[in-house]
C-alpha atoms as a PDB file:
ATOM      1  CA  MET A   1      -0.026  -0.033  -0.021  1.00  0.00           C
ATOM      2  CA  LEU A   2       1.107   3.477  -0.565  1.00  0.00           C
ATOM      3  CA  ARG A   3       0.824   6.302   1.942  1.00  0.00           C
ATOM      4  CA  SER A   4       1.213   9.819   1.051  1.00  0.00           C
ATOM      5  CA  ALA A   5       1.512  13.055   3.008  1.00  0.00           C
ATOM      6  CA  LEU A   6       1.439  16.671   2.190  1.00  0.00           C
ATOM      7  CA  PHE A   7       3.662  18.896   4.072  1.00  0.00           C
ATOM      8  CA  ASN A   8       3.692  22.634   4.165  1.00  0.00           C
ATOM      9  CA  THR A   9       7.088  24.258   4.425  1.00  0.00           C
ATOM     10  CA  THR A  10       7.980  27.832   4.841  1.00  0.00           C
ATOM     11  CA  ARG A  11      11.314  29.275   3.872  1.00  0.00           C
ATOM     12  CA  TRP A  12      12.820  31.936   5.939  1.00  0.00           C
ATOM     13  CA  VAL A  13      15.420  34.048   4.335  1.00  0.00           C
ATOM     14  CA  ALA A  14      17.568  36.809   5.874  1.00  0.00           C
ATOM     15  CA  ARG A  15      17.345  40.020   3.886  1.00  0.00           C
ATOM     16  CA  PRO A  16      20.256  42.412   3.998  1.00  0.00           C
ATOM     17  CA  THR A  17      18.689  45.559   5.346  1.00  0.00           C
ATOM     18  CA  LEU A  18      19.653  48.214   7.829  1.00  0.00           C
ATOM     19  CA  LEU A  19      17.841  46.196  10.375  1.00  0.00           C
ATOM     20  CA  THR A  20      18.552  42.491   9.996  1.00  0.00           C
ATOM     21  CA  ARG A  21      15.172  40.953  10.031  1.00  0.00           C
ATOM     22  CA  GLN A  22      13.764  37.700   8.471  1.00  0.00           C
ATOM     23  CA  ALA A  23      10.935  37.759   6.035  1.00  0.00           C
ATOM     24  CA  ALA A  24       8.658  34.927   5.156  1.00  0.00           C
ATOM     25  CA  ARG A  25       8.767  33.655   1.588  1.00  0.00           C
ATOM     26  CA  PRO A  26       5.876  31.791  -0.100  1.00  0.00           C
ATOM     27  CA  THR A  27       4.802  28.474   1.280  1.00  0.00           C
ATOM     28  CA  TYR A  28       5.811  25.441  -0.828  1.00  0.00           C
ATOM     29  CA  GLN A  29       3.926  22.150  -0.679  1.00  0.00           C
ATOM     30  CA  VAL A  30       6.087  19.124  -0.660  1.00  0.00           C
ATOM     31  CA  PHE A  31       4.553  15.747  -1.603  1.00  0.00           C
ATOM     32  CA  ALA A  32       6.071  12.813   0.109  1.00  0.00           C
ATOM     33  CA  ARG A  33       5.183   9.214  -0.796  1.00  0.00           C
ATOM     34  CA  TYR A  34       5.846   6.243   1.413  1.00  0.00           C
ATOM     35  CA  GLU A  35       5.527   2.594   0.515  1.00  0.00           C
ATOM     36  CA  SER A  36       4.417   0.437   3.355  1.00  0.00           C
ATOM     37  CA  THR A  37       6.603  -2.524   4.159  1.00  0.00           C
ATOM     38  CA  LYS A  38       3.664  -5.013   4.546  1.00  0.00           C
ATOM     39  CA  ALA A  39       1.643  -5.428   1.328  1.00  0.00           C
ATOM     40  CA  ASN A  40      -1.711  -7.040   1.670  1.00  0.00           C
ATOM     41  CA  GLU A  41      -1.286 -10.146  -0.505  1.00  0.00           C
ATOM     42  CA  ALA A  42      -4.995 -11.112  -0.386  1.00  0.00           C
ATOM     43  CA  LEU A  43      -5.913  -7.701  -1.735  1.00  0.00           C
ATOM     44  CA  LYS A  44      -3.392  -8.018  -4.575  1.00  0.00           C
ATOM     45  CA  ALA A  45      -4.669 -11.449  -5.469  1.00  0.00           C
ATOM     46  CA  ALA A  46      -8.345 -10.248  -5.479  1.00  0.00           C
ATOM     47  CA  ARG A  47      -7.493  -7.236  -7.695  1.00  0.00           C
ATOM     48  CA  LYS A  48      -5.560  -9.549 -10.051  1.00  0.00           C
ATOM     49  CA  ALA A  49      -8.546 -11.954 -10.313  1.00  0.00           C
ATOM     50  CA  LYS A  50     -10.959  -8.984 -10.875  1.00  0.00           C
ATOM     51  CA  ASP A  51      -8.723  -7.576 -13.618  1.00  0.00           C
ATOM     52  CA  LYS A  52      -8.584 -10.979 -15.261  1.00  0.00           C
ATOM     53  CA  LEU A  53     -12.410 -11.073 -15.362  1.00  0.00           C
ATOM     54  CA  GLN A  54     -12.737  -7.566 -16.562  1.00  0.00           C
ATOM     55  CA  LYS A  55     -10.236  -7.904 -19.313  1.00  0.00           C
ATOM     56  CA  ASP A  56     -11.838  -8.013 -22.782  1.00  0.00           C
ATOM     57  CA  TRP A  57     -12.058 -11.606 -23.982  1.00  0.00           C
ATOM     58  CA  GLN A  58     -12.034 -12.841 -27.463  1.00  0.00           C
ATOM     59  CA  GLY A  59     -13.871 -16.062 -27.847  1.00  0.00           C
ATOM     60  CA  PRO A  60     -13.388 -18.564 -30.750  1.00  0.00           C
ATOM     61  CA  VAL A  61     -14.926 -17.244 -33.975  1.00  0.00           C
ATOM     62  CA  LEU A  62     -16.891 -19.435 -36.360  1.00  0.00           C
ATOM     63  CA  THR A  63     -17.290 -18.907 -40.127  1.00  0.00           C
ATOM     64  CA  TYR A  64     -20.338 -19.437 -42.300  1.00  0.00           C
ATOM     65  CA  GLU A  65     -18.924 -22.901 -43.389  1.00  0.00           C
ATOM     66  CA  GLN A  66     -18.769 -23.978 -39.708  1.00  0.00           C
ATOM     67  CA  VAL A  67     -22.278 -22.678 -38.815  1.00  0.00           C
ATOM     68  CA  LYS A  68     -24.149 -24.087 -41.820  1.00  0.00           C
ATOM     69  CA  PRO A  69     -23.893 -27.755 -40.709  1.00  0.00           C
ATOM     70  CA  LYS A  70     -25.149 -26.835 -37.232  1.00  0.00           C
ATOM     71  CA  THR A  71     -28.311 -25.478 -38.828  1.00  0.00           C
ATOM     72  CA  LEU A  72     -28.909 -28.513 -41.070  1.00  0.00           C
ATOM     73  CA  SER A  73     -28.744 -31.009 -38.246  1.00  0.00           C
ATOM     74  CA  PRO A  74     -29.254 -29.263 -34.951  1.00  0.00           C
ATOM     75  CA  SER A  75     -28.162 -30.991 -31.681  1.00  0.00           C
ATOM     76  CA  ALA A  76     -29.753 -30.946 -28.336  1.00  0.00           C
ATOM     77  CA  ASP A  77     -26.292 -30.406 -26.861  1.00  0.00           C
ATOM     78  CA  ALA A  78     -25.688 -27.172 -28.725  1.00  0.00           C
ATOM     79  CA  TYR A  79     -27.475 -23.879 -28.848  1.00  0.00           C
ATOM     80  CA  LEU A  80     -27.433 -21.222 -31.694  1.00  0.00           C
ATOM     81  CA  ILE A  81     -28.544 -18.037 -29.962  1.00  0.00           C
ATOM     82  CA  ASP A  82     -29.631 -14.920 -31.820  1.00  0.00           C
ATOM     83  CA  VAL A  83     -28.958 -11.860 -29.477  1.00  0.00           C
ATOM     84  CA  ARG A  84     -30.891  -9.345 -31.652  1.00  0.00           C
ATOM     85  CA  GLU A  85     -33.984  -7.695 -30.292  1.00  0.00           C
ATOM     86  CA  PRO A  86     -37.355  -9.262 -31.169  1.00  0.00           C
ATOM     87  CA  ASP A  87     -38.281  -6.557 -33.733  1.00  0.00           C
ATOM     88  CA  GLU A  88     -35.041  -7.453 -35.630  1.00  0.00           C
ATOM     89  CA  VAL A  89     -35.768 -11.117 -35.452  1.00  0.00           C
ATOM     90  CA  MET A  90     -39.127 -10.588 -37.226  1.00  0.00           C
ATOM     91  CA  GLN A  91     -37.105  -9.924 -40.374  1.00  0.00           C
ATOM     92  CA  GLY A  92     -35.774 -13.432 -40.252  1.00  0.00           C
ATOM     93  CA  SER A  93     -33.378 -15.646 -38.401  1.00  0.00           C
ATOM     94  CA  ILE A  94     -30.947 -18.497 -38.999  1.00  0.00           C
ATOM     95  CA  PRO A  95     -32.719 -21.876 -39.018  1.00  0.00           C
ATOM     96  CA  SER A  96     -32.646 -23.763 -35.641  1.00  0.00           C
ATOM     97  CA  SER A  97     -31.703 -20.671 -33.737  1.00  0.00           C
ATOM     98  CA  VAL A  98     -33.429 -19.290 -30.654  1.00  0.00           C
ATOM     99  CA  ASN A  99     -33.766 -15.647 -29.606  1.00  0.00           C
ATOM    100  CA  LEU A 100     -32.356 -14.299 -26.425  1.00  0.00           C
ATOM    101  CA  PRO A 101     -31.801 -10.500 -26.686  1.00  0.00           C
ATOM    102  CA  LEU A 102     -28.605  -9.051 -25.486  1.00  0.00           C
ATOM    103  CA  SER A 103     -30.559  -6.596 -23.276  1.00  0.00           C
ATOM    104  CA  VAL A 104     -31.879  -9.498 -21.117  1.00  0.00           C
ATOM    105  CA  LEU A 105     -28.973 -11.951 -21.491  1.00  0.00           C
ATOM    106  CA  ALA A 106     -27.072 -11.240 -18.319  1.00  0.00           C
ATOM    107  CA  ASN A 107     -30.127 -11.274 -16.093  1.00  0.00           C
ATOM    108  CA  SER A 108     -31.386 -14.457 -17.897  1.00  0.00           C
ATOM    109  CA  PHE A 109     -28.211 -16.419 -16.999  1.00  0.00           C
ATOM    110  CA  HIS A 110     -29.106 -15.858 -13.272  1.00  0.00           C
ATOM    111  CA  LEU A 111     -32.564 -17.449 -13.558  1.00  0.00           C
ATOM    112  CA  THR A 112     -33.379 -20.922 -12.434  1.00  0.00           C
ATOM    113  CA  PRO A 113     -33.794 -23.405 -15.342  1.00  0.00           C
ATOM    114  CA  GLN A 114     -37.603 -23.469 -14.826  1.00  0.00           C
ATOM    115  CA  ALA A 115     -37.933 -19.609 -14.773  1.00  0.00           C
ATOM    116  CA  PHE A 116     -35.631 -19.455 -17.808  1.00  0.00           C
ATOM    117  CA  LYS A 117     -37.778 -21.844 -19.813  1.00  0.00           C
ATOM    118  CA  ALA A 118     -40.966 -20.004 -18.817  1.00  0.00           C
ATOM    119  CA  GLN A 119     -39.526 -16.663 -19.823  1.00  0.00           C
ATOM    120  CA  HIS A 120     -37.810 -17.645 -23.081  1.00  0.00           C
ATOM    121  CA  GLY A 121     -39.490 -20.818 -24.241  1.00  0.00           C
ATOM    122  CA  PHE A 122     -36.380 -23.054 -24.427  1.00  0.00           C
ATOM    123  CA  GLU A 123     -34.228 -24.950 -21.949  1.00  0.00           C
ATOM    124  CA  LYS A 124     -31.441 -22.911 -20.237  1.00  0.00           C
ATOM    125  CA  PRO A 125     -28.044 -23.918 -21.663  1.00  0.00           C
ATOM    126  CA  GLY A 126     -25.781 -25.848 -19.409  1.00  0.00           C
ATOM    127  CA  LYS A 127     -22.391 -24.276 -18.553  1.00  0.00           C
ATOM    128  CA  GLN A 128     -20.572 -27.078 -20.455  1.00  0.00           C
ATOM    129  CA  GLN A 129     -22.911 -27.041 -23.490  1.00  0.00           C
ATOM    130  CA  GLU A 130     -21.815 -25.487 -26.864  1.00  0.00           C
ATOM    131  CA  VAL A 131     -23.321 -22.040 -27.283  1.00  0.00           C
ATOM    132  CA  VAL A 132     -22.956 -20.113 -30.565  1.00  0.00           C
ATOM    133  CA  PHE A 133     -24.014 -16.469 -30.435  1.00  0.00           C
ATOM    134  CA  TYR A 134     -24.839 -14.303 -33.454  1.00  0.00           C
ATOM    135  CA  CYS A 135     -26.464 -10.992 -34.041  1.00  0.00           C
ATOM    136  CA  ARG A 136     -26.758  -8.597 -37.104  1.00  0.00           C
ATOM    137  CA  SER A 137     -23.173  -7.827 -37.747  1.00  0.00           C
ATOM    138  CA  GLY A 138     -21.082  -9.568 -35.055  1.00  0.00           C
ATOM    139  CA  MET A 139     -20.630  -6.785 -32.442  1.00  0.00           C
ATOM    140  CA  ARG A 140     -23.429  -7.748 -30.001  1.00  0.00           C
ATOM    141  CA  SER A 141     -22.512 -11.433 -30.342  1.00  0.00           C
ATOM    142  CA  ALA A 142     -18.989 -10.715 -29.185  1.00  0.00           C
ATOM    143  CA  SER A 143     -20.487  -8.943 -26.197  1.00  0.00           C
ATOM    144  CA  ALA A 144     -22.796 -11.877 -25.538  1.00  0.00           C
ATOM    145  CA  CYS A 145     -19.743 -14.239 -25.568  1.00  0.00           C
ATOM    146  CA  ASP A 146     -18.133 -12.015 -22.994  1.00  0.00           C
ATOM    147  CA  ILE A 147     -21.191 -11.925 -20.712  1.00  0.00           C
ATOM    148  CA  ALA A 148     -21.582 -15.722 -20.998  1.00  0.00           C
ATOM    149  CA  ARG A 149     -17.975 -16.318 -20.069  1.00  0.00           C
ATOM    150  CA  ARG A 150     -18.286 -14.023 -17.070  1.00  0.00           C
ATOM    151  CA  ASN A 151     -21.333 -16.122 -16.009  1.00  0.00           C
ATOM    152  CA  GLY A 152     -19.395 -19.365 -16.007  1.00  0.00           C
ATOM    153  CA  TYR A 153     -20.079 -20.684 -19.558  1.00  0.00           C
ATOM    154  CA  GLU A 154     -17.115 -22.443 -21.024  1.00  0.00           C
ATOM    155  CA  ASN A 155     -17.926 -23.681 -24.470  1.00  0.00           C
ATOM    156  CA  ILE A 156     -18.733 -20.295 -26.205  1.00  0.00           C
ATOM    157  CA  LEU A 157     -18.486 -19.525 -29.871  1.00  0.00           C
ATOM    158  CA  ASN A 158     -19.064 -16.387 -31.842  1.00  0.00           C
ATOM    159  CA  TYR A 159     -20.484 -16.435 -35.402  1.00  0.00           C
ATOM    160  CA  GLU A 160     -18.811 -13.123 -36.315  1.00  0.00           C
ATOM    161  CA  GLY A 161     -20.357 -12.871 -39.824  1.00  0.00           C
ATOM    162  CA  SER A 162     -23.758 -13.063 -38.194  1.00  0.00           C
ATOM    163  CA  TRP A 163     -27.020 -12.303 -39.945  1.00  0.00           C
ATOM    164  CA  LEU A 164     -25.546 -10.047 -42.683  1.00  0.00           C
ATOM    165  CA  GLU A 165     -23.116 -12.801 -43.850  1.00  0.00           C
ATOM    166  CA  TRP A 166     -25.894 -15.442 -43.538  1.00  0.00           C
ATOM    167  CA  THR A 167     -28.321 -13.599 -45.806  1.00  0.00           C
ATOM    168  CA  SER A 168     -25.637 -12.723 -48.325  1.00  0.00           C
ATOM    169  CA  ARG A 169     -24.478 -16.364 -48.594  1.00  0.00           C
ATOM    170  CA  GLU A 170     -27.970 -17.841 -48.576  1.00  0.00           C
ATOM    171  CA  GLY A 171     -29.191 -15.331 -51.112  1.00  0.00           C
ATOM    172  CA  GLY A 172     -32.115 -14.299 -48.929  1.00  0.00           C
ATOM    173  CA  GLY A 173     -31.562 -10.555 -49.367  1.00  0.00           C
ATOM    174  CA  GLY A 174     -32.776  -9.840 -45.788  1.00  0.00           C
ATOM    175  CA  LYS A 175     -35.375 -12.624 -45.709  1.00  0.00           C
ATOM    176  CA  GLY A 176     -34.620 -15.727 -43.707  1.00  0.00           C
ATOM    177  CA  SER A 177     -36.445 -18.559 -42.188  1.00  0.00           C
ATOM    178  CA  THR A 178     -37.789 -18.149 -38.788  1.00  0.00           C
ATOM    179  CA  ALA A 179     -37.005 -20.516 -35.989  1.00  0.00           C
END
C-alpha cells in the first residue's frame, strides 16, 4: 500500500537591510510518498482476479462454413442463440436458432432453469454445452460471448459474420427462415 503526506514548508530568508530581520517567503507544498513494508497479498490477489475477469475476452470465432452444418442437423447439446432484439428477429433468423436478446442476456443467466424456460420458451443452456451467439453484424454477439464467459459458460463460440453474412451467402436478401 502506498501512503502519502502533504507537508507545508515555509522558507525563511535573511534580507540584507539596515535592520537585519527575516521575511517569510511563499509556502511550498512538498509531496512525500511512502511505500508500506507490509503489502496485503490477499488484496493484490483479489485485484488480479478482478482484472482478469474484466479484461476483454475474444472467444473462438466461427465462419459461415462452420455454422451451416449446425443449422442442417441441430443438436440438443448445442445452442445457436440470436442476441438481436425481437423486432429485428421478425425480419428473419438463422434456422434452428433461438432468440435471447442481449438486453436481457445477463439477467437471464441468473434465472433458475424453470424460470428461464418459462420466460424464453427453451431450456437454459448448461455451462458445459456448446453455445454459438450471433447478431446482425457480429458486435453484439461478441459482447454476448463475454457476458456468457463471465457467468461461467465455457464452450462459447461467436459467429462473427452473423445475420448479414448469412443472408448474403444464402441469397435471402434480408429474408430468412424463422425458428
